[in-house]
């Protein structure tokens, strides 16, 4: 008896790109965890300073320095995503590219 050509074989139907998606999710989660652990130390090094606090009153804006020193959230945001980007560069270019010798999305 001859088999049918349109039989479902799970091994051959599993899309290969999902392994890249799973790897990306793991690297993204690890990079954010690393940044989450490093940011408190960076916040102490960058220091807290009095920033301007602005209050909108009709068409006027009244700005005054804050009474307490606060962290510069914009700078910490840049540092956070720089750490995440550094982990991505470290994984995809250095570790995966040069050490493991696996091409990124290369031909199979």
Protein backbone atom coordinates (compact mmCIF):
# COMPACT_ATOMS: atom_id res chain seq x y z
CA UNK A 1 0.00 0.00 0.00
CA UNK A 2 1.36 3.43 -0.97
CA UNK A 3 1.50 6.21 1.63
CA UNK A 4 0.03 9.64 1.01
CA UNK A 5 2.34 12.57 0.27
CA UNK A 6 0.36 15.06 2.33
CA UNK A 7 0.78 13.33 5.71
CA UNK A 8 1.46 15.58 8.68
CA UNK A 9 4.93 15.03 10.15
CA UNK A 10 5.41 17.28 13.21
CA UNK A 11 9.22 17.37 12.97
CA UNK A 12 9.09 18.77 9.45
CA UNK A 13 6.21 21.15 10.08
CA UNK A 14 7.71 22.90 13.13
CA UNK A 15 8.80 26.33 11.87
CA UNK A 16 12.53 26.79 12.32
CA UNK A 17 12.30 30.52 13.03
CA UNK A 18 10.57 29.80 16.36
CA UNK A 19 13.91 28.62 17.77
CA UNK A 20 15.34 32.05 16.95
CA UNK A 21 12.29 33.64 18.59
CA UNK A 22 12.75 31.53 21.74
CA UNK A 23 16.46 32.41 21.82
CA UNK A 24 15.63 36.11 21.42
CA UNK A 25 13.10 35.96 24.28
CA UNK A 26 15.63 34.28 26.58
CA UNK A 27 18.37 36.80 25.73
CA UNK A 28 15.92 39.71 26.12
CA UNK A 29 14.75 38.46 29.53
CA UNK A 30 18.33 37.89 30.71
CA UNK A 31 19.42 41.34 29.46
CA UNK A 32 16.56 43.06 31.30
CA UNK A 33 17.32 41.09 34.46
CA UNK A 34 20.98 42.12 34.29
CA UNK A 35 19.98 45.77 33.76
CA UNK A 36 17.49 45.53 36.65
CA UNK A 37 20.28 44.35 38.95
CA UNK A 38 22.82 46.97 37.80
CA UNK A 39 20.63 50.11 37.71
CA UNK A 40 20.53 50.68 41.52
CA UNK A 41 24.35 50.80 41.61
CA UNK A 42 24.44 53.14 38.62
CA UNK A 43 21.80 55.36 40.25
CA UNK A 44 24.11 55.84 43.23
CA UNK A 45 27.10 56.58 40.99
CA UNK A 46 25.25 59.03 38.75
CA UNK A 47 23.91 60.68 41.86
CA UNK A 48 20.74 62.45 42.66
CA UNK A 49 20.36 66.13 42.03
CA UNK A 50 17.66 68.73 42.35
CA UNK A 51 15.74 68.87 39.09
CA UNK A 52 13.15 71.36 37.92
CA UNK A 53 9.56 70.63 38.84
CA UNK A 54 7.12 72.42 36.55
CA UNK A 55 3.47 73.08 37.27
CA UNK A 56 1.11 74.12 34.50
CA UNK A 57 -1.13 77.03 35.50
CA UNK A 58 -3.41 77.96 32.59
CA UNK A 59 -1.01 79.04 29.85
CA UNK A 60 1.86 79.72 32.26
CA UNK A 61 4.35 77.19 33.49
CA UNK A 62 5.86 77.75 36.89
CA UNK A 63 9.14 75.90 37.30
CA UNK A 64 11.16 75.64 40.48
CA UNK A 65 13.88 73.30 41.72
CA UNK A 66 12.61 70.34 43.70
CA UNK A 67 13.13 70.37 47.44
CA UNK A 68 14.45 66.82 47.49
CA UNK A 69 17.14 65.41 45.28
CA UNK A 70 15.64 63.06 42.68
CA UNK A 71 17.13 60.70 40.13
CA UNK A 72 17.33 61.75 36.51
CA UNK A 73 14.96 59.15 35.04
CA UNK A 74 15.84 60.08 31.46
CA UNK A 75 19.52 59.34 32.02
CA UNK A 76 18.74 56.10 33.84
CA UNK A 77 16.51 55.08 30.92
CA UNK A 78 19.41 55.57 28.49
CA UNK A 79 21.73 53.59 30.76
CA UNK A 80 19.15 50.78 31.09
CA UNK A 81 18.77 50.29 27.34
CA UNK A 82 22.53 50.64 26.83
CA UNK A 83 23.05 47.71 29.19
CA UNK A 84 20.39 45.68 27.35
CA UNK A 85 22.02 46.55 24.01
CA UNK A 86 25.43 45.60 25.36
CA UNK A 87 24.14 42.18 26.37
CA UNK A 88 22.64 41.71 22.89
CA UNK A 89 25.90 42.69 21.21
CA UNK A 90 27.79 40.43 23.57
CA UNK A 91 25.56 37.45 22.87
CA UNK A 92 24.81 37.74 19.16
CA UNK A 93 28.12 39.11 17.89
CA UNK A 94 30.80 37.98 20.31
CA UNK A 95 29.58 34.76 21.94
CA UNK A 96 27.37 33.38 19.18
CA UNK A 97 29.36 34.73 16.26
CA UNK A 98 32.99 34.24 17.25
CA UNK A 99 33.02 31.69 20.06
CA UNK A 100 30.21 29.31 19.05
CA UNK A 101 30.70 29.95 15.30
CA UNK A 102 26.94 29.86 14.68
CA UNK A 103 25.78 32.25 11.97
CA UNK A 104 22.91 34.53 12.88
CA UNK A 105 19.95 33.53 10.69
CA UNK A 106 22.36 31.92 8.26
CA UNK A 107 21.51 29.43 5.55
CA UNK A 108 20.93 25.93 6.81
